[in-house]
C-alpha atoms as a PDB file:
ATOM      1  CA  UNK A   1      98.744  85.464  48.162  1.00  0.00           C
ATOM      2  CA  UNK A   2      97.546  85.254  44.583  1.00  0.00           C
ATOM      3  CA  UNK A   3      99.854  85.761  41.376  1.00  0.00           C
ATOM      4  CA  UNK A   4      97.468  86.891  38.694  1.00  0.00           C
ATOM      5  CA  UNK A   5      98.770  87.170  34.967  1.00  0.00           C
ATOM      6  CA  UNK A   6      96.938  88.040  31.847  1.00  0.00           C
ATOM      7  CA  UNK A   7      95.553  85.326  29.462  1.00  0.00           C
ATOM      8  CA  UNK A   8      97.861  84.110  26.847  1.00  0.00           C
ATOM      9  CA  UNK A   9      97.387  84.615  23.098  1.00  0.00           C
ATOM     10  CA  UNK A  10      95.233  81.901  21.603  1.00  0.00           C
ATOM     11  CA  UNK A  11      96.765  79.264  19.486  1.00  0.00           C
ATOM     12  CA  UNK A  12      96.397  79.814  15.786  1.00  0.00           C
ATOM     13  CA  UNK A  13      92.977  78.176  14.879  1.00  0.00           C
ATOM     14  CA  UNK A  14      94.590  76.619  11.649  1.00  0.00           C
ATOM     15  CA  UNK A  15      96.987  74.676  13.748  1.00  0.00           C
ATOM     16  CA  UNK A  16      94.448  73.491  16.196  1.00  0.00           C
ATOM     17  CA  UNK A  17      92.340  72.098  13.265  1.00  0.00           C
ATOM     18  CA  UNK A  18      95.210  70.227  11.841  1.00  0.00           C
ATOM     19  CA  UNK A  19      96.217  68.994  15.426  1.00  0.00           C
ATOM     20  CA  UNK A  20      92.585  67.884  16.036  1.00  0.00           C
ATOM     21  CA  UNK A  21      93.050  65.335  13.192  1.00  0.00           C
ATOM     22  CA  UNK A  22      96.127  63.672  14.852  1.00  0.00           C
ATOM     23  CA  UNK A  23      96.693  61.235  17.822  1.00  0.00           C
ATOM     24  CA  UNK A  24      99.109  61.707  20.670  1.00  0.00           C
ATOM     25  CA  UNK A  25     100.326  58.075  20.034  1.00  0.00           C
ATOM     26  CA  UNK A  26     101.268  59.106  16.449  1.00  0.00           C
ATOM     27  CA  UNK A  27     103.259  62.147  17.615  1.00  0.00           C
ATOM     28  CA  UNK A  28     104.916  59.954  20.235  1.00  0.00           C
ATOM     29  CA  UNK A  29     106.655  58.114  17.458  1.00  0.00           C
ATOM     30  CA  UNK A  30     108.940  61.018  16.587  1.00  0.00           C
ATOM     31  CA  UNK A  31     108.440  63.728  19.353  1.00  0.00           C
ATOM     32  CA  UNK A  32     109.764  63.362  22.885  1.00  0.00           C
ATOM     33  CA  UNK A  33     108.831  66.688  24.739  1.00  0.00           C
ATOM     34  CA  UNK A  34     105.658  67.837  26.548  1.00  0.00           C
ATOM     35  CA  UNK A  35     103.942  64.401  27.177  1.00  0.00           C
ATOM     36  CA  UNK A  36     102.134  64.134  30.499  1.00  0.00           C
ATOM     37  CA  UNK A  37     102.936  61.021  32.608  1.00  0.00           C
ATOM     38  CA  UNK A  38     100.634  58.081  31.567  1.00  0.00           C
ATOM     39  CA  UNK A  39      98.962  58.186  34.947  1.00  0.00           C
ATOM     40  CA  UNK A  40      97.054  61.231  33.727  1.00  0.00           C
ATOM     41  CA  UNK A  41      94.034  59.614  32.029  1.00  0.00           C
ATOM     42  CA  UNK A  42      90.744  60.684  30.497  1.00  0.00           C
ATOM     43  CA  UNK A  43      87.828  60.562  32.793  1.00  0.00           C
ATOM     44  CA  UNK A  44      85.470  60.204  29.819  1.00  0.00           C
ATOM     45  CA  UNK A  45      86.632  57.737  27.195  1.00  0.00           C
ATOM     46  CA  UNK A  46      86.598  58.603  23.476  1.00  0.00           C
ATOM     47  CA  UNK A  47      87.509  62.286  23.795  1.00  0.00           C
ATOM     48  CA  UNK A  48      89.989  64.052  21.604  1.00  0.00           C
ATOM     49  CA  UNK A  49      90.404  67.783  22.625  1.00  0.00           C
ATOM     50  CA  UNK A  50      92.546  70.509  21.355  1.00  0.00           C
ATOM     51  CA  UNK A  51      93.078  74.015  22.877  1.00  0.00           C
ATOM     52  CA  UNK A  52      95.220  76.704  24.267  1.00  0.00           C
ATOM     53  CA  UNK A  53      96.687  75.968  27.679  1.00  0.00           C
ATOM     54  CA  UNK A  54      95.660  78.406  30.461  1.00  0.00           C
ATOM     55  CA  UNK A  55      97.535  77.474  33.644  1.00  0.00           C
ATOM     56  CA  UNK A  56      96.777  77.279  37.362  1.00  0.00           C
ATOM     57  CA  UNK A  57      98.844  76.478  40.347  1.00  0.00           C
ATOM     58  CA  UNK A  58      96.606  75.512  43.064  1.00  0.00           C
ATOM     59  CA  UNK A  59      97.868  74.564  46.668  1.00  0.00           C
ATOM     60  CA  UNK A  60      96.721  71.706  48.719  1.00  0.00           C
ATOM     61  CA  UNK A  61      93.234  71.876  50.148  1.00  0.00           C
ATOM     62  CA  UNK A  62      92.380  75.169  48.627  1.00  0.00           C
ATOM     63  CA  UNK A  63      90.250  75.811  45.515  1.00  0.00           C
ATOM     64  CA  UNK A  64      89.416  79.376  45.976  1.00  0.00           C
ATOM     65  CA  UNK A  65      91.349  80.609  42.919  1.00  0.00           C
ATOM     66  CA  UNK A  66      90.008  77.872  40.856  1.00  0.00           C
ATOM     67  CA  UNK A  67      86.304  79.051  41.435  1.00  0.00           C
ATOM     68  CA  UNK A  68      87.303  82.627  40.626  1.00  0.00           C
ATOM     69  CA  UNK A  69      89.296  82.138  37.395  1.00  0.00           C
ATOM     70  CA  UNK A  70      86.697  79.944  35.659  1.00  0.00           C
ATOM     71  CA  UNK A  71      84.845  83.194  34.594  1.00  0.00           C
ATOM     72  CA  UNK A  72      88.002  84.601  33.149  1.00  0.00           C
ATOM     73  CA  UNK A  73      88.654  81.821  30.488  1.00  0.00           C
ATOM     74  CA  UNK A  74      87.496  81.903  26.944  1.00  0.00           C
ATOM     75  CA  UNK A  75      85.758  79.371  24.861  1.00  0.00           C
ATOM     76  CA  UNK A  76      88.437  76.977  23.517  1.00  0.00           C
ATOM     77  CA  UNK A  77      90.871  77.365  26.404  1.00  0.00           C
ATOM     78  CA  UNK A  78      92.158  74.300  28.134  1.00  0.00           C
ATOM     79  CA  UNK A  79      92.770  74.714  31.768  1.00  0.00           C
ATOM     80  CA  UNK A  80      95.912  73.002  33.211  1.00  0.00           C
ATOM     81  CA  UNK A  81      95.856  72.710  36.990  1.00  0.00           C
ATOM     82  CA  UNK A  82      99.128  71.960  38.909  1.00  0.00           C
ATOM     83  CA  UNK A  83      98.170  70.627  42.360  1.00  0.00           C
ATOM     84  CA  UNK A  84     101.696  71.387  43.702  1.00  0.00           C
ATOM     85  CA  UNK A  85     102.066  67.683  44.748  1.00  0.00           C
ATOM     86  CA  UNK A  86      98.590  67.216  46.337  1.00  0.00           C
ATOM     87  CA  UNK A  87      97.178  63.788  45.399  1.00  0.00           C
ATOM     88  CA  UNK A  88      94.561  63.538  48.122  1.00  0.00           C
ATOM     89  CA  UNK A  89      92.170  66.498  47.782  1.00  0.00           C
ATOM     90  CA  UNK A  90      89.937  66.666  44.590  1.00  0.00           C
ATOM     91  CA  UNK A  91      89.486  70.378  43.501  1.00  0.00           C
ATOM     92  CA  UNK A  92      87.504  69.290  40.280  1.00  0.00           C
ATOM     93  CA  UNK A  93      83.969  67.728  40.699  1.00  0.00           C
ATOM     94  CA  UNK A  94      80.566  68.021  39.157  1.00  0.00           C
ATOM     95  CA  UNK A  95      79.967  71.820  40.000  1.00  0.00           C
ATOM     96  CA  UNK A  96      83.210  72.815  38.637  1.00  0.00           C
ATOM     97  CA  UNK A  97      82.785  70.679  35.548  1.00  0.00           C
ATOM     98  CA  UNK A  98      79.354  72.207  34.888  1.00  0.00           C
ATOM     99  CA  UNK A  99      80.848  75.858  35.325  1.00  0.00           C
ATOM    100  CA  UNK A 100      83.593  74.934  32.929  1.00  0.00           C
ATOM    101  CA  UNK A 101      81.133  73.484  30.373  1.00  0.00           C
ATOM    102  CA  UNK A 102      79.076  76.618  30.478  1.00  0.00           C
ATOM    103  CA  UNK A 103      82.035  78.771  29.983  1.00  0.00           C
ATOM    104  CA  UNK A 104      82.987  76.836  26.835  1.00  0.00           C
ATOM    105  CA  UNK A 105      86.301  75.352  27.998  1.00  0.00           C
ATOM    106  CA  UNK A 106      87.836  72.971  25.520  1.00  0.00           C
ATOM    107  CA  UNK A 107      88.655  70.768  28.442  1.00  0.00           C
ATOM    108  CA  UNK A 108      90.899  70.524  31.567  1.00  0.00           C
ATOM    109  CA  UNK A 109      93.717  68.555  33.094  1.00  0.00           C
ATOM    110  CA  UNK A 110      94.311  68.148  36.759  1.00  0.00           C
ATOM    111  CA  UNK A 111      97.688  66.945  38.013  1.00  0.00           C
ATOM    112  CA  UNK A 112      95.972  65.316  41.012  1.00  0.00           C
ATOM    113  CA  UNK A 113      92.627  63.809  41.669  1.00  0.00           C
ATOM    114  CA  UNK A 114      88.871  64.586  40.696  1.00  0.00           C
ATOM    115  CA  UNK A 115      85.574  63.519  42.276  1.00  0.00           C
ATOM    116  CA  UNK A 116      82.060  63.105  41.080  1.00  0.00           C
ATOM    117  CA  UNK A 117      82.941  61.034  38.032  1.00  0.00           C
ATOM    118  CA  UNK A 118      79.183  60.372  36.975  1.00  0.00           C
ATOM    119  CA  UNK A 119      78.420  64.164  37.127  1.00  0.00           C
ATOM    120  CA  UNK A 120      81.396  65.087  34.982  1.00  0.00           C
ATOM    121  CA  UNK A 121      80.083  62.495  32.638  1.00  0.00           C
ATOM    122  CA  UNK A 122      76.557  63.906  32.801  1.00  0.00           C
ATOM    123  CA  UNK A 123      77.901  67.365  31.934  1.00  0.00           C
ATOM    124  CA  UNK A 124      80.011  65.810  29.118  1.00  0.00           C
ATOM    125  CA  UNK A 125      83.083  67.663  30.151  1.00  0.00           C
ATOM    126  CA  UNK A 126      86.370  66.488  28.843  1.00  0.00           C
ATOM    127  CA  UNK A 127      88.715  66.087  31.918  1.00  0.00           C
ATOM    128  CA  UNK A 128      92.040  64.366  32.491  1.00  0.00           C
ATOM    129  CA  UNK A 129      93.196  63.434  35.982  1.00  0.00           C
ATOM    130  CA  UNK A 130      95.143  61.004  37.957  1.00  0.00           C
ATOM    131  CA  UNK A 131      92.173  59.281  39.509  1.00  0.00           C
ATOM    132  CA  UNK A 132      89.160  59.818  41.772  1.00  0.00           C
ATOM    133  CA  UNK A 133      89.043  60.722  45.477  1.00  0.00           C
ATOM    134  CA  UNK A 134      86.175  61.407  47.907  1.00  0.00           C
ATOM    135  CA  UNK A 135      88.167  64.061  49.781  1.00  0.00           C
ATOM    136  CA  UNK A 136      87.569  67.617  48.429  1.00  0.00           C
ATOM    137  CA  UNK A 137      89.140  70.971  48.631  1.00  0.00           C
ATOM    138  CA  UNK A 138      87.475  74.025  50.379  1.00  0.00           C
ATOM    139  CA  UNK A 139      87.698  77.879  50.006  1.00  0.00           C
ATOM    140  CA  UNK A 140      90.392  78.492  52.427  1.00  0.00           C
ATOM    141  CA  UNK A 141      91.719  81.625  50.584  1.00  0.00           C
ATOM    142  CA  UNK A 142      95.461  80.468  50.774  1.00  0.00           C
ATOM    143  CA  UNK A 143      96.458  81.692  47.248  1.00  0.00           C
ATOM    144  CA  UNK A 144      97.745  80.414  44.102  1.00  0.00           C
ATOM    145  CA  UNK A 145      98.942  81.484  40.619  1.00  0.00           C
ATOM    146  CA  UNK A 146      97.040  82.022  37.531  1.00  0.00           C
ATOM    147  CA  UNK A 147      98.844  81.747  34.063  1.00  0.00           C
ATOM    148  CA  UNK A 148     102.208  80.983  35.672  1.00  0.00           C
ATOM    149  CA  UNK A 149     104.605  78.331  34.603  1.00  0.00           C
ATOM    150  CA  UNK A 150     103.495  74.954  36.032  1.00  0.00           C
ATOM    151  CA  UNK A 151     104.223  71.216  35.946  1.00  0.00           C
ATOM    152  CA  UNK A 152     101.406  68.785  34.840  1.00  0.00           C
ATOM    153  CA  UNK A 153     102.225  65.180  35.335  1.00  0.00           C
ATOM    154  CA  UNK A 154     105.835  65.782  34.751  1.00  0.00           C
ATOM    155  CA  UNK A 155     105.505  68.020  31.721  1.00  0.00           C
ATOM    156  CA  UNK A 156     106.459  71.698  31.884  1.00  0.00           C
ATOM    157  CA  UNK A 157     103.643  73.926  30.608  1.00  0.00           C
ATOM    158  CA  UNK A 158     103.580  77.552  29.839  1.00  0.00           C
ATOM    159  CA  UNK A 159     100.424  79.540  29.217  1.00  0.00           C
ATOM    160  CA  UNK A 160      99.754  79.696  25.458  1.00  0.00           C
ATOM    161  CA  UNK A 161     101.103  76.174  24.818  1.00  0.00           C
ATOM    162  CA  UNK A 162      98.942  74.132  22.513  1.00  0.00           C
ATOM    163  CA  UNK A 163      97.115  70.964  23.907  1.00  0.00           C
ATOM    164  CA  UNK A 164      96.177  67.796  22.362  1.00  0.00           C
ATOM    165  CA  UNK A 165      94.469  65.371  24.674  1.00  0.00           C
ATOM    166  CA  UNK A 166      93.031  61.966  23.751  1.00  0.00           C
ATOM    167  CA  UNK A 167      92.578  58.551  25.075  1.00  0.00           C
ATOM    168  CA  UNK A 168      96.240  57.794  25.092  1.00  0.00           C
ATOM    169  CA  UNK A 169      97.287  60.807  26.935  1.00  0.00           C
ATOM    170  CA  UNK A 170      97.875  64.534  27.089  1.00  0.00           C
ATOM    171  CA  UNK A 171     100.543  66.570  25.017  1.00  0.00           C
ATOM    172  CA  UNK A 172     101.578  70.137  25.590  1.00  0.00           C
ATOM    173  CA  UNK A 173     103.421  71.731  22.539  1.00  0.00           C
ATOM    174  CA  UNK A 174     105.309  75.155  22.465  1.00  0.00           C
ATOM    175  CA  UNK A 175     103.633  77.211  19.647  1.00  0.00           C
ATOM    176  CA  UNK A 176     107.129  77.550  18.097  1.00  0.00           C
ATOM    177  CA  UNK A 177     107.239  73.902  17.544  1.00  0.00           C
ATOM    178  CA  UNK A 178     103.828  73.374  16.146  1.00  0.00           C
ATOM    179  CA  UNK A 179     104.507  73.411  12.535  1.00  0.00           C
ATOM    180  CA  UNK A 180     107.368  70.928  12.644  1.00  0.00           C
ATOM    181  CA  UNK A 181     105.417  68.598  15.224  1.00  0.00           C
ATOM    182  CA  UNK A 182     102.266  68.611  13.113  1.00  0.00           C
ATOM    183  CA  UNK A 183     103.809  68.281   9.623  1.00  0.00           C
ATOM    184  CA  UNK A 184     105.876  65.243  10.780  1.00  0.00           C
ATOM    185  CA  UNK A 185     102.935  63.612  12.376  1.00  0.00           C
ATOM    186  CA  UNK A 186     100.800  64.188   9.392  1.00  0.00           C
ATOM    187  CA  UNK A 187     103.235  62.291   7.263  1.00  0.00           C
ATOM    188  CA  UNK A 188     103.537  59.561   9.829  1.00  0.00           C
ATOM    189  CA  UNK A 189      99.631  59.253   9.799  1.00  0.00           C
ATOM    190  CA  UNK A 190      99.502  58.808   6.190  1.00  0.00           C
ATOM    191  CA  UNK A 191     102.171  56.092   6.238  1.00  0.00           C
ATOM    192  CA  UNK A 192     100.345  54.417   9.127  1.00  0.00           C
ATOM    193  CA  UNK A 193      97.095  54.280   6.996  1.00  0.00           C
ATOM    194  CA  UNK A 194      99.136  52.831   4.089  1.00  0.00           C
ATOM    195  CA  UNK A 195     100.533  50.089   6.380  1.00  0.00           C
ATOM    196  CA  UNK A 196      97.006  49.421   7.638  1.00  0.00           C
ATOM    197  CA  UNK A 197      95.805  48.933   4.219  1.00  0.00           C
ATOM    198  CA  UNK A 198      98.628  46.505   3.288  1.00  0.00           C
ATOM    199  CA  UNK A 199      97.956  44.589   6.587  1.00  0.00           C
ATOM    200  CA  UNK A 200      94.226  44.171   5.827  1.00  0.00           C
ATOM    201  CA  UNK A 201      95.273  42.974   2.230  1.00  0.00           C
ATOM    202  CA  UNK A 202      97.224  40.082   3.898  1.00  0.00           C
ATOM    203  CA  UNK A 203     100.776  41.200   4.124  1.00  0.00           C
ATOM    204  CA  UNK A 204     102.665  40.462   7.319  1.00  0.00           C
ATOM    205  CA  UNK A 205     103.626  43.352   9.630  1.00  0.00           C
ATOM    206  CA  UNK A 206     107.195  42.082  10.004  1.00  0.00           C
ATOM    207  CA  UNK A 207     107.560  42.242   6.184  1.00  0.00           C
ATOM    208  CA  UNK A 208     106.158  45.620   5.945  1.00  0.00           C
ATOM    209  CA  UNK A 209     108.217  47.250   8.786  1.00  0.00           C
ATOM    210  CA  UNK A 210     111.312  45.462   7.782  1.00  0.00           C
ATOM    211  CA  UNK A 211     111.636  43.647  11.132  1.00  0.00           C
ATOM    212  CA  UNK A 212     111.499  40.178   9.410  1.00  0.00           C
ATOM    213  CA  UNK A 213     114.378  41.090   7.007  1.00  0.00           C
ATOM    214  CA  UNK A 214     116.531  42.246   9.954  1.00  0.00           C
ATOM    215  CA  UNK A 215     116.068  39.013  11.855  1.00  0.00           C
ATOM    216  CA  UNK A 216     116.577  36.859   8.780  1.00  0.00           C
ATOM    217  CA  UNK A 217     119.788  38.644   7.962  1.00  0.00           C
ATOM    218  CA  UNK A 218     121.075  38.004  11.472  1.00  0.00           C
ATOM    219  CA  UNK A 219     120.000  34.478  11.430  1.00  0.00           C
ATOM    220  CA  UNK A 220     121.863  33.888   8.064  1.00  0.00           C
ATOM    221  CA  UNK A 221     125.059  35.694   9.371  1.00  0.00           C
ATOM    222  CA  UNK A 222     124.954  33.615  12.678  1.00  0.00           C
ATOM    223  CA  UNK A 223     124.656  30.258  10.658  1.00  0.00           C
ATOM    224  CA  UNK A 224     127.379  31.402   8.296  1.00  0.00           C
END
């Protein structure tokens, strides 16, 4: 009934420190893989979280395995819950949020619904989900998988992936890709700050980006 695998190696803290200074939207300019569907949204606004993905496949109305594995996770782990298609039963509420907070989780993402929004906010726990529901899971002892490959809002996630979650969405990154993804995004961030400075000084966005030159070139060619 239960498939239990060991915890993955934690993501190198130096990569997580750099990742925490970035935005998912910045990485989204140049990187296409690992983004969760936009319907997966932050329950608490203003949160930016990084961590190591620990995965859980949780069937339908049953949250038995979730209650058990909370004690297995390490501070800094990010729990990724694949609800196996269930969008009706909330496995994550105030009590689970408190347990995760006490365990030191970085955060969690549920490919499904949550409940007890105000209690989650009271515990200040960083959670991403597809919305709220009043219908909850029970301890039916059906089964599930811990640290198995999962799908979270359309993104394939393996245990040990790096996670960046913020107000724009959730991104899962293969550790082998971290150096390239982070380095590219850091350059993009610096360029973005330079562009912002020029805009504040009065330059027009179209002139800075080159869009205006492209349109003017087309217009000149069309007239000719």
